[in-house]
């Protein structure tokens, strides 16, 4: 990322953290009396600092899940020289045999997942079979992507951002959108995007102990699934984007961590 992009990223993250701290300390402060009312036995045996920290942590996780990552993706993509837009609607005209078969595939995989079976999704194979399906009927569909990028060479990329431990409904939605985009516009790239690897960067996603996405995706196949460094380096079109983004978060953290200690924990 160039200096201007890093500053835009820093300002955005800083604004998010400032608003979060204000909410937790001013507009919706932590109240010990609420813990005592709702969990008297827990408060009796666990220090109040644990409850207070847990409330801030939940707010922080929720805040990160409300669009900050897709918004950072837009800033970073623009800094690379691309056009980018959040919540982008793509209109497609697709053969109904394909759309019906997409729904059948996902329904079948969801059913197998609920039974505890372990399907081995192969999206390349699925797309190949779906692409061969034809009938005389077509329908217009619209797919909303959390982040759309058009590169200077005209290449188009669509990203479906989800929480790093998505549920089955969120995963199914991402897969349906990905298949629709890749079949409706075979020249585009569409991805299932997770902002970081809960199992640890450099480790398999399965190390997080969250198996749901594996029901519908091969989470190690970066042709369709981008996680952590792979995602950010793709968006920034540079192998250093992920590490640089972490550096900006750390920079913001020097100020926000001190504010949280002083204003929230009274330390």
Protein backbone atom coordinates (compact mmCIF):
# COMPACT_ATOMS: atom_id res chain seq x y z
CA UNK A 1 0.00 0.00 0.00
CA UNK A 2 1.22 3.49 -0.74
CA UNK A 3 1.35 6.17 1.97
CA UNK A 4 -2.01 7.71 0.99
CA UNK A 5 -3.78 4.36 1.14
CA UNK A 6 -2.26 3.51 4.52
CA UNK A 7 -3.46 6.84 5.89
CA UNK A 8 -6.99 6.27 4.56
CA UNK A 9 -6.98 2.84 6.18
CA UNK A 10 -5.66 4.26 9.47
CA UNK A 11 -8.30 7.00 9.58
CA UNK A 12 -11.06 4.49 8.91
CA UNK A 13 -9.93 2.06 11.62
CA UNK A 14 -9.32 4.91 14.07
CA UNK A 15 -12.83 6.24 13.50
CA UNK A 16 -14.34 2.82 14.13
CA UNK A 17 -12.40 2.41 17.37
CA UNK A 18 -13.21 5.93 18.59
CA UNK A 19 -16.92 5.33 18.07
CA UNK A 20 -16.73 1.96 19.82
CA UNK A 21 -14.93 3.41 22.84
CA UNK A 22 -17.43 6.25 23.10
CA UNK A 23 -20.34 3.82 22.99
CA UNK A 24 -18.90 1.57 25.68
CA UNK A 25 -17.83 4.43 27.96
CA UNK A 26 -20.45 7.16 27.37
CA UNK A 27 -23.62 6.20 25.53
CA UNK A 28 -23.88 2.55 26.68
CA UNK A 29 -21.49 2.19 29.65
CA UNK A 30 -20.86 -1.08 31.45
CA UNK A 31 -23.04 -1.45 34.55
CA UNK A 32 -22.06 -3.92 37.26
CA UNK A 33 -25.65 -3.90 38.52
CA UNK A 34 -26.81 -5.47 35.25
CA UNK A 35 -24.41 -8.39 35.69
CA UNK A 36 -25.57 -8.84 39.28
CA UNK A 37 -29.18 -8.92 38.11
CA UNK A 38 -28.72 -11.25 35.15
CA UNK A 39 -25.99 -13.56 36.44
CA UNK A 40 -25.75 -13.37 40.24
CA UNK A 41 -24.03 -16.75 40.63
CA UNK A 42 -21.46 -15.93 37.97
CA UNK A 43 -20.66 -12.58 39.50
CA UNK A 44 -20.27 -14.25 42.86
CA UNK A 45 -17.37 -16.41 41.70
CA UNK A 46 -15.82 -14.53 38.74
CA UNK A 47 -14.17 -11.08 39.08
CA UNK A 48 -16.10 -8.16 37.64
CA UNK A 49 -13.14 -7.36 35.38
CA UNK A 50 -13.83 -10.56 33.44
CA UNK A 51 -17.44 -9.55 32.75
CA UNK A 52 -16.40 -6.05 31.82
CA UNK A 53 -13.73 -7.26 29.42
CA UNK A 54 -16.10 -9.79 27.87
CA UNK A 55 -18.66 -7.09 27.11
CA UNK A 56 -16.09 -4.93 25.34
CA UNK A 57 -14.78 -7.95 23.40
CA UNK A 58 -18.29 -8.81 22.17
CA UNK A 59 -18.83 -5.23 21.03
CA UNK A 60 -15.49 -5.24 19.23
CA UNK A 61 -16.22 -8.49 17.39
CA UNK A 62 -19.67 -7.22 16.38
CA UNK A 63 -18.18 -3.96 15.12
CA UNK A 64 -15.65 -5.80 12.95
CA UNK A 65 -18.48 -7.86 11.51
CA UNK A 66 -20.53 -4.86 10.43
CA UNK A 67 -18.73 -4.00 7.23
CA UNK A 68 -15.35 -2.67 8.34
CA UNK A 69 -13.39 -5.32 6.45
CA UNK A 70 -15.27 -4.90 3.17
CA UNK A 71 -14.86 -1.12 3.50
CA UNK A 72 -11.12 -1.54 4.06
CA UNK A 73 -11.07 -3.77 0.98
CA UNK A 74 -12.54 -0.94 -1.08
CA UNK A 75 -9.91 1.53 0.17
CA UNK A 76 -7.06 -0.88 -0.48
CA UNK A 77 -8.29 -1.84 -3.96
CA UNK A 78 -8.64 1.83 -4.91
CA UNK A 79 -5.10 2.41 -3.68
CA UNK A 80 -3.90 -0.28 -6.09
CA UNK A 81 -5.35 1.68 -9.03
CA UNK A 82 -8.58 -0.30 -9.37
CA UNK A 83 -12.22 0.78 -9.25
CA UNK A 84 -14.00 -0.62 -6.19
CA UNK A 85 -17.50 -0.52 -4.74
CA UNK A 86 -19.18 -2.00 -1.68
CA UNK A 87 -22.61 -3.64 -1.88
CA UNK A 88 -22.42 -3.94 -5.65
CA UNK A 89 -25.39 -5.36 -7.56
CA UNK A 90 -24.64 -7.44 -10.64
CA UNK A 91 -27.48 -8.21 -13.06
CA UNK A 92 -27.21 -11.57 -14.82
CA UNK A 93 -29.29 -13.56 -17.27
CA UNK A 94 -28.86 -17.28 -16.64
CA UNK A 95 -30.38 -20.46 -18.00
CA UNK A 96 -33.01 -21.78 -15.56
CA UNK A 97 -31.56 -25.30 -15.76
CA UNK A 98 -28.37 -23.85 -14.21
CA UNK A 99 -30.10 -21.86 -11.47
CA UNK A 100 -32.32 -24.79 -10.49
CA UNK A 101 -29.32 -27.12 -10.43
CA UNK A 102 -27.35 -24.70 -8.23
CA UNK A 103 -30.17 -24.79 -5.70
CA UNK A 104 -30.30 -28.59 -5.91
CA UNK A 105 -26.55 -28.93 -5.29
CA UNK A 106 -26.61 -26.62 -2.27
CA UNK A 107 -29.75 -28.22 -0.83
CA UNK A 108 -28.19 -31.67 -1.17
CA UNK A 109 -24.93 -30.59 0.45
CA UNK A 110 -26.77 -28.86 3.29
CA UNK A 111 -28.80 -32.03 3.92
CA UNK A 112 -25.67 -34.16 3.98
CA UNK A 113 -24.03 -31.71 6.34
CA UNK A 114 -26.93 -31.89 8.80
CA UNK A 115 -26.63 -35.69 8.79
CA UNK A 116 -22.98 -35.40 9.71
CA UNK A 117 -21.75 -36.72 6.38
CA UNK A 118 -18.53 -35.32 4.97
CA UNK A 119 -18.97 -34.28 1.35
CA UNK A 120 -15.90 -33.22 -0.57
CA UNK A 121 -16.98 -30.13 -2.53
CA UNK A 122 -15.13 -29.57 -5.78
CA UNK A 123 -16.26 -26.26 -7.23
CA UNK A 124 -14.26 -26.62 -10.43
CA UNK A 125 -16.08 -29.87 -11.14
CA UNK A 126 -19.44 -28.45 -10.10
CA UNK A 127 -19.02 -25.37 -12.31
CA UNK A 128 -17.99 -27.56 -15.24
CA UNK A 129 -21.12 -29.69 -14.94
CA UNK A 130 -23.39 -26.70 -14.41
CA UNK A 131 -21.96 -24.86 -17.41
CA UNK A 132 -22.97 -27.73 -19.70
CA UNK A 133 -26.64 -27.54 -18.71
CA UNK A 134 -28.98 -25.88 -21.18
CA UNK A 135 -32.69 -25.49 -21.78
CA UNK A 136 -34.79 -22.91 -23.70
CA UNK A 137 -35.65 -20.87 -20.59
CA UNK A 138 -33.68 -18.03 -19.01
CA UNK A 139 -34.20 -15.80 -15.99
CA UNK A 140 -32.81 -12.50 -14.77
CA UNK A 141 -31.07 -12.63 -11.39
CA UNK A 142 -29.26 -10.02 -9.32
CA UNK A 143 -26.31 -10.83 -7.07
CA UNK A 144 -25.15 -8.43 -4.38
CA UNK A 145 -21.42 -8.58 -3.55
CA UNK A 146 -19.87 -7.05 -0.45
CA UNK A 147 -16.95 -5.86 -2.56
CA UNK A 148 -16.61 -5.46 -6.31
CA UNK A 149 -13.28 -4.66 -7.96
CA UNK A 150 -12.57 -3.79 -11.58
CA UNK A 151 -8.87 -3.84 -12.37
CA UNK A 152 -7.22 -1.45 -14.85
CA UNK A 153 -7.05 -4.31 -17.39
CA UNK A 154 -10.83 -4.79 -17.13
CA UNK A 155 -10.74 -7.90 -14.96
CA UNK A 156 -13.66 -8.11 -12.53
CA UNK A 157 -13.64 -9.60 -9.04
CA UNK A 158 -16.55 -10.19 -6.65
CA UNK A 159 -16.07 -10.85 -2.93
CA UNK A 160 -18.59 -12.25 -0.47
CA UNK A 161 -17.24 -11.30 2.97
CA UNK A 162 -18.41 -13.42 5.90
CA UNK A 163 -17.53 -13.74 9.57
CA UNK A 164 -14.53 -16.03 10.01
CA UNK A 165 -16.80 -18.72 11.48
CA UNK A 166 -19.91 -18.48 9.28
CA UNK A 167 -23.00 -20.53 9.89
CA UNK A 168 -24.53 -22.85 7.31
CA UNK A 169 -26.98 -20.26 5.96
CA UNK A 170 -24.22 -17.68 5.44
CA UNK A 171 -22.01 -20.26 3.75
CA UNK A 172 -24.82 -21.42 1.46
CA UNK A 173 -25.60 -17.84 0.45
CA UNK A 174 -21.95 -17.23 -0.41
CA UNK A 175 -21.75 -20.40 -2.49
CA UNK A 176 -24.95 -19.66 -4.41
CA UNK A 177 -23.76 -16.15 -5.24
CA UNK A 178 -20.35 -17.42 -6.29
CA UNK A 179 -21.83 -20.03 -8.62
CA UNK A 180 -24.28 -17.56 -10.14
CA UNK A 181 -21.52 -15.05 -10.83
CA UNK A 182 -19.07 -17.55 -12.28
CA UNK A 183 -21.70 -19.13 -14.49
CA UNK A 184 -23.39 -15.88 -15.51
CA UNK A 185 -20.05 -14.24 -16.32
CA UNK A 186 -17.37 -16.92 -16.90
CA UNK A 187 -14.68 -14.26 -17.32
CA UNK A 188 -15.10 -12.91 -13.78
CA UNK A 189 -13.62 -14.11 -10.50
CA UNK A 190 -15.89 -14.58 -7.51
CA UNK A 191 -14.67 -15.47 -4.03
CA UNK A 192 -15.78 -16.57 -0.58
CA UNK A 193 -13.80 -14.13 1.59
CA UNK A 194 -12.81 -14.48 5.26
CA UNK A 195 -10.74 -11.56 6.65
CA UNK A 196 -8.47 -13.73 8.79
CA UNK A 197 -7.87 -17.37 9.57
CA UNK A 198 -9.31 -18.27 13.00
CA UNK A 199 -7.03 -21.31 12.98
CA UNK A 200 -3.97 -19.06 12.67
CA UNK A 201 -2.28 -17.60 9.59
CA UNK A 202 -0.32 -20.31 7.83
CA UNK A 203 -2.39 -23.11 9.37
CA UNK A 204 -5.29 -24.99 7.74
CA UNK A 205 -8.69 -23.44 8.34
CA UNK A 206 -9.78 -26.68 10.02
CA UNK A 207 -7.38 -25.89 12.89
CA UNK A 208 -10.03 -23.49 14.18
CA UNK A 209 -12.31 -26.44 14.90
CA UNK A 210 -15.13 -24.91 12.84
CA UNK A 211 -16.22 -27.39 10.17
CA UNK A 212 -19.39 -25.82 8.74
CA UNK A 213 -17.84 -24.08 5.66
CA UNK A 214 -16.19 -27.36 4.66
CA UNK A 215 -19.65 -28.75 3.97
CA UNK A 216 -20.00 -26.51 0.91
CA UNK A 217 -16.45 -25.42 0.08
CA UNK A 218 -12.98 -26.88 -0.05
CA UNK A 219 -11.54 -24.29 2.32
CA UNK A 220 -8.01 -24.92 1.04
CA UNK A 221 -8.90 -24.13 -2.60
CA UNK A 222 -7.84 -20.52 -3.13
CA UNK A 223 -9.39 -20.45 -6.60
CA UNK A 224 -12.66 -19.85 -4.76
CA UNK A 225 -11.87 -19.27 -1.08
CA UNK A 226 -9.59 -16.46 0.10
CA UNK A 227 -8.63 -16.26 3.77
CA UNK A 228 -6.35 -13.86 5.63
CA UNK A 229 -3.14 -13.01 3.82
CA UNK A 230 -4.31 -14.62 0.57
CA UNK A 231 -7.40 -12.40 0.58
CA UNK A 232 -5.72 -9.08 1.38
CA UNK A 233 -2.78 -9.64 -0.94
CA UNK A 234 -5.26 -10.38 -3.73
CA UNK A 235 -7.29 -7.24 -3.03
CA UNK A 236 -4.19 -5.06 -2.82
CA UNK A 237 -2.57 -6.80 -5.79
CA UNK A 238 0.62 -6.99 -3.73
CA UNK A 239 2.15 -9.74 -1.58
CA UNK A 240 2.83 -7.28 1.26
CA UNK A 241 -0.71 -5.98 1.70
CA UNK A 242 -1.66 -8.28 4.60
CA UNK A 243 1.43 -7.49 6.67
CA UNK A 244 1.06 -3.78 5.94
CA UNK A 245 -2.60 -3.86 6.98
CA UNK A 246 -1.66 -5.52 10.26
CA UNK A 247 0.96 -2.81 10.83
CA UNK A 248 -1.72 -0.12 10.45
CA UNK A 249 -3.96 -1.94 12.94
CA UNK A 250 -1.04 -2.03 15.38
CA UNK A 251 -0.45 1.67 14.86
CA UNK A 252 -4.07 2.44 15.68
CA UNK A 253 -3.87 0.04 18.61
CA UNK A 254 -1.17 2.04 20.32
CA UNK A 255 -3.70 4.82 20.89
CA UNK A 256 -6.92 2.82 21.22
CA UNK A 257 -5.46 0.30 23.70
CA UNK A 258 -4.34 3.11 25.98
CA UNK A 259 -7.76 4.77 25.77
CA UNK A 260 -9.51 1.49 26.59
CA UNK A 261 -7.30 0.92 29.63
CA UNK A 262 -7.85 4.44 30.93
CA UNK A 263 -11.44 5.22 29.94
CA UNK A 264 -13.06 1.78 30.12
CA UNK A 265 -11.08 -0.12 32.76
CA UNK A 266 -10.02 2.96 34.79
CA UNK A 267 -6.42 1.72 34.89
